[in-house]
Amino acid sequence: MNKVLLIDDEERMLELLTLYLKPYPYFCRKAIGAKAGLKYVKEEKFDIILLDVMMPEMNGWEVCKEIRQYSDVPIIMVTAREQKEDIVKGLKLGADDYITKPFNEEELVARMDALLRKTRPINRIEIEGLLWDEDQFELSYKKQLVKLTPKEFAIIGLLMKNPGRVFSRNQLIDLVWGMHSETEGRTVDSHVRNMRKKIREVGFPMDDYLHTVWGVGYKWIKN
């Protein structure tokens, strides 16, 4: 669950943003106005901030500039303004992205997800009870350990971290075995086949997620 700080002087907008993010893995902390937002930033740790630009007591640019004095938390500026100079100003002051009102829920979440992927490595990911933990070098399903080889562990992690993306056999060889490896595509198929079998055996519905793209490679399905 990612923790997001929403800073806006309009309570209606805070409620709307909270409603947008409710179906997604985001816990929202609402701050009415710049001063309340700065207080939260100093007292708590956040994964990302959505910051309104046009606020009466202190505008979003000033808030962004102050936050950057002591924190590198990702910031997305939210405003009705669309002038190019406003976007440039926000980015120069340390904002990471910019979205203009009105915006839709999917665009907002996509921008937030993309920013989080850029600003921090994914070392742990869980899908329907299947937990891939790079730090512990473990794959488990509902606390049942799945014994994988290092290459199998690397392949499943790569696929889980990139849902919807098709990886060709050659791409998997380059990313897992190395660009100068003489490994062949059938070796990749063998590792994937063994990995699938091991994960099925602990009860995870592997075939619902890991799909073969015939003649190309493999992909992890978004559910």
Protein backbone atom coordinates (compact mmCIF):
# COMPACT_ATOMS: atom_id res chain seq x y z
CA MET A 1 0.00 0.00 0.00
CA ASN A 2 1.44 3.35 -1.08
CA LYS A 3 0.92 6.37 1.13
CA VAL A 4 -0.05 9.56 -0.73
CA LEU A 5 -0.38 13.08 0.63
CA LEU A 6 -3.05 15.21 -1.04
CA ILE A 7 -2.53 18.97 -0.63
CA ASP A 8 -5.31 21.28 -1.79
CA ASP A 9 -7.22 24.21 -0.33
CA GLU A 10 -10.56 22.86 -1.63
CA GLU A 11 -12.05 20.08 0.47
CA ARG A 12 -14.21 19.02 -2.47
CA MET A 13 -11.11 18.30 -4.57
CA LEU A 14 -9.52 16.35 -1.73
CA GLU A 15 -12.62 14.18 -1.46
CA LEU A 16 -12.68 13.66 -5.23
CA LEU A 17 -9.02 12.59 -5.34
CA THR A 18 -9.59 10.22 -2.42
CA LEU A 19 -12.56 8.71 -4.26
CA TYR A 20 -10.46 8.29 -7.42
CA LEU A 21 -7.71 6.48 -5.53
CA LYS A 22 -9.93 4.31 -3.32
CA PRO A 23 -9.94 1.26 -5.67
CA TYR A 24 -6.15 1.34 -5.97
CA PRO A 25 -3.33 0.50 -3.52
CA TYR A 26 -3.07 4.05 -2.17
CA PHE A 27 -3.71 5.25 1.37
CA CYS A 28 -4.63 8.95 1.28
CA ARG A 29 -3.74 11.61 3.84
CA LYS A 30 -5.66 14.85 3.16
CA ALA A 31 -4.18 18.26 3.92
CA ILE A 32 -6.38 21.34 3.54
CA GLY A 33 -3.98 24.07 2.47
CA ALA A 34 -0.24 24.52 2.17
CA LYS A 35 0.63 24.87 5.86
CA ALA A 36 -1.18 21.67 6.82
CA GLY A 37 0.56 19.87 3.96
CA LEU A 38 4.01 21.01 5.01
CA LYS A 39 3.30 19.95 8.57
CA TYR A 40 2.40 16.43 7.41
CA VAL A 41 5.53 16.17 5.24
CA LYS A 42 7.73 17.00 8.23
CA GLU A 43 5.95 14.59 10.57
CA GLU A 44 5.26 11.56 8.36
CA LYS A 45 6.79 9.59 5.51
CA PHE A 46 4.96 9.54 2.17
CA ASP A 47 5.54 7.66 -1.06
CA ILE A 48 4.14 10.41 -3.29
CA ILE A 49 2.48 13.86 -3.06
CA LEU A 50 -0.30 15.35 -5.19
CA LEU A 51 0.10 19.12 -4.83
CA ASP A 52 -2.37 21.75 -6.02
CA VAL A 53 -0.78 24.89 -7.50
CA MET A 54 -3.39 27.58 -6.90
CA MET A 55 -3.74 27.97 -3.12
CA PRO A 56 -4.31 31.30 -1.33
CA GLU A 57 -1.95 31.25 1.64
CA MET A 58 1.02 29.75 -0.20
CA ASN A 59 1.00 28.49 -3.79
CA GLY A 60 2.07 25.03 -4.85
CA TRP A 61 5.34 26.22 -6.36
CA GLU A 62 6.41 27.68 -3.01
CA VAL A 63 5.35 24.50 -1.22
CA CYS A 64 7.28 22.37 -3.70
CA LYS A 65 10.39 24.51 -3.28
CA GLU A 66 10.22 24.21 0.51
CA ILE A 67 9.67 20.44 0.46
CA ARG A 68 12.71 20.02 -1.78
CA GLN A 69 14.89 21.57 0.93
CA TYR A 70 14.58 18.42 3.03
CA SER A 71 12.80 15.71 1.02
CA ASP A 72 13.02 14.03 -2.39
CA VAL A 73 9.52 12.52 -2.17
CA PRO A 74 7.96 12.33 -5.68
CA ILE A 75 5.64 15.30 -6.36
CA ILE A 76 2.93 15.66 -9.00
CA MET A 77 1.60 19.21 -9.44
CA VAL A 78 -2.18 19.39 -9.92
CA THR A 79 -3.75 22.52 -11.44
CA ALA A 80 -6.24 23.91 -13.92
CA ARG A 81 -3.51 25.94 -15.59
CA GLU A 82 -2.23 24.69 -18.92
CA GLN A 83 0.32 27.33 -19.90
CA LYS A 84 3.69 25.87 -20.85
CA GLU A 85 5.58 28.30 -18.63
CA ASP A 86 3.71 27.05 -15.56
CA ILE A 87 4.70 23.47 -16.30
CA VAL A 88 8.34 24.44 -16.79
CA LYS A 89 8.33 26.49 -13.58
CA GLY A 90 7.02 23.58 -11.54
CA LEU A 91 9.56 21.15 -12.96
CA LYS A 92 12.43 23.58 -12.35
CA LEU A 93 11.39 23.90 -8.70
CA GLY A 94 11.63 20.15 -8.23
CA ALA A 95 8.25 18.69 -9.22
CA ASP A 96 8.45 15.31 -10.93
CA ASP A 97 5.31 15.51 -13.04
CA TYR A 98 2.36 17.75 -13.83
CA ILE A 99 -1.32 17.02 -14.48
CA THR A 100 -4.00 19.55 -15.42
CA LYS A 101 -7.66 19.63 -14.44
CA PRO A 102 -9.93 18.16 -15.54
CA PHE A 103 -8.25 14.77 -15.62
CA ASN A 104 -9.61 11.25 -15.46
CA GLU A 105 -8.96 8.61 -12.84
CA GLU A 106 -7.01 6.29 -15.14
CA GLU A 107 -4.60 9.00 -16.29
CA LEU A 108 -3.94 10.11 -12.71
CA VAL A 109 -3.24 6.60 -11.44
CA ALA A 110 -1.09 5.78 -14.49
CA ARG A 111 1.05 8.86 -13.85
CA MET A 112 1.39 8.02 -10.15
CA ASP A 113 2.31 4.40 -10.85
CA ALA A 114 4.85 5.41 -13.51
CA LEU A 115 6.48 7.94 -11.21
CA LEU A 116 6.79 5.43 -8.37
CA ARG A 117 8.37 2.89 -10.72
CA LYS A 118 10.96 5.47 -11.76
CA THR A 119 11.82 6.72 -8.29
CA ARG A 120 12.21 3.44 -6.44
CA PRO A 121 13.23 -0.09 -7.30
CA ILE A 122 10.68 -2.86 -6.91
CA ASN A 123 12.23 -5.45 -4.61
CA ARG A 124 9.01 -7.03 -3.40
CA ILE A 125 5.77 -7.70 -5.25
CA GLU A 126 2.68 -9.69 -4.25
CA ILE A 127 -0.11 -10.90 -6.53
CA GLU A 128 -3.03 -12.91 -5.17
CA GLY A 129 -0.87 -14.32 -2.37
CA LEU A 130 2.14 -15.07 -4.58
CA LEU A 131 5.02 -13.10 -3.04
CA TRP A 132 8.29 -12.42 -4.87
CA ASP A 133 10.88 -11.01 -2.46
CA GLU A 134 14.22 -10.08 -4.00
CA ASP A 135 15.84 -9.08 -0.70
CA GLN A 136 15.09 -12.49 0.84
CA PHE A 137 15.55 -14.25 -2.52
CA GLU A 138 12.30 -16.11 -1.92
CA LEU A 139 9.11 -16.88 -3.80
CA SER A 140 6.17 -18.02 -1.68
CA TYR A 141 2.46 -18.60 -2.02
CA LYS A 142 0.41 -18.12 1.14
CA LYS A 143 3.61 -18.66 3.16
CA GLN A 144 4.52 -21.84 1.26
CA LEU A 145 8.05 -21.52 -0.12
CA VAL A 146 8.56 -22.36 -3.77
CA LYS A 147 12.06 -23.71 -4.43
CA LEU A 148 13.30 -22.07 -7.62
CA THR A 149 16.69 -21.94 -9.28
CA PRO A 150 18.30 -18.49 -9.50
CA LYS A 151 17.37 -18.19 -13.19
CA GLU A 152 13.76 -19.25 -12.54
CA PHE A 153 13.56 -16.71 -9.71
CA ALA A 154 14.87 -13.95 -11.98
CA ILE A 155 12.44 -14.82 -14.78
CA ILE A 156 9.32 -14.84 -12.58
CA GLY A 157 10.38 -11.56 -10.94
CA LEU A 158 10.90 -9.87 -14.30
CA LEU A 159 7.49 -10.99 -15.53
CA MET A 160 5.61 -10.06 -12.33
CA LYS A 161 7.17 -6.58 -12.28
CA ASN A 162 6.11 -5.89 -15.86
CA PRO A 163 2.50 -7.07 -16.26
CA GLY A 164 1.19 -6.92 -19.80
CA ARG A 165 4.63 -6.70 -21.40
CA VAL A 166 5.69 -9.46 -23.79
CA PHE A 167 9.27 -10.67 -23.30
CA SER A 168 10.79 -12.52 -26.22
CA ARG A 169 13.05 -15.47 -25.53
CA ASN A 170 16.04 -13.43 -26.71
CA GLN A 171 15.13 -10.59 -24.35
CA LEU A 172 14.91 -13.01 -21.42
CA ILE A 173 18.29 -14.46 -22.35
CA ASP A 174 19.86 -10.98 -22.43
CA LEU A 175 18.25 -9.88 -19.16
CA VAL A 176 18.66 -13.09 -17.14
CA TRP A 177 21.67 -14.91 -18.61
CA GLY A 178 23.51 -11.90 -20.03
CA MET A 179 23.93 -10.37 -23.48
CA HIS A 180 26.93 -12.50 -24.39
CA SER A 181 25.41 -15.78 -23.28
CA GLU A 182 25.18 -18.63 -25.78
CA THR A 183 21.95 -19.84 -24.16
CA GLU A 184 19.25 -20.90 -26.62
CA GLY A 185 15.51 -20.26 -26.61
CA ARG A 186 14.71 -23.86 -25.69
CA THR A 187 16.65 -23.38 -22.44
CA VAL A 188 14.33 -20.49 -21.58
CA ASP A 189 11.32 -22.68 -22.37
CA SER A 190 12.67 -25.40 -20.10
CA HIS A 191 13.14 -22.98 -17.18
CA VAL A 192 9.67 -21.51 -17.64
CA ARG A 193 8.11 -24.97 -17.84
CA ASN A 194 9.80 -26.09 -14.61
CA MET A 195 8.92 -22.83 -12.86
CA ARG A 196 5.26 -23.14 -13.88
CA LYS A 197 5.09 -26.69 -12.55
CA LYS A 198 6.59 -25.77 -9.17
CA ILE A 199 4.26 -22.81 -8.67
CA ARG A 200 1.17 -24.78 -9.74
CA GLU A 201 2.02 -27.44 -7.16
CA VAL A 202 1.60 -25.00 -4.25
CA GLY A 203 -1.88 -24.02 -5.49
CA PHE A 204 -1.33 -20.73 -7.28
CA PRO A 205 -3.42 -20.39 -10.51
CA MET A 206 -0.32 -19.96 -12.66
CA ASP A 207 -2.08 -20.45 -15.99
CA ASP A 208 -4.34 -17.45 -15.27
CA TYR A 209 -1.31 -15.18 -15.12
CA LEU A 210 1.64 -16.52 -17.08
CA HIS A 211 0.79 -16.81 -20.77
CA THR A 212 2.85 -18.08 -23.68
CA VAL A 213 2.87 -15.80 -26.71
CA TRP A 214 3.37 -18.39 -29.39
CA GLY A 215 6.39 -17.83 -31.58
CA VAL A 216 7.55 -14.91 -29.43
CA GLY A 217 7.92 -15.50 -25.70
CA TYR A 218 6.00 -14.93 -22.47
CA LYS A 219 3.98 -12.34 -20.60
CA TRP A 220 2.34 -11.87 -17.21
CA ILE A 221 -1.34 -10.98 -17.55
CA LYS A 222 -2.80 -7.96 -15.72
CA ASN A 223 -5.80 -9.08 -13.62
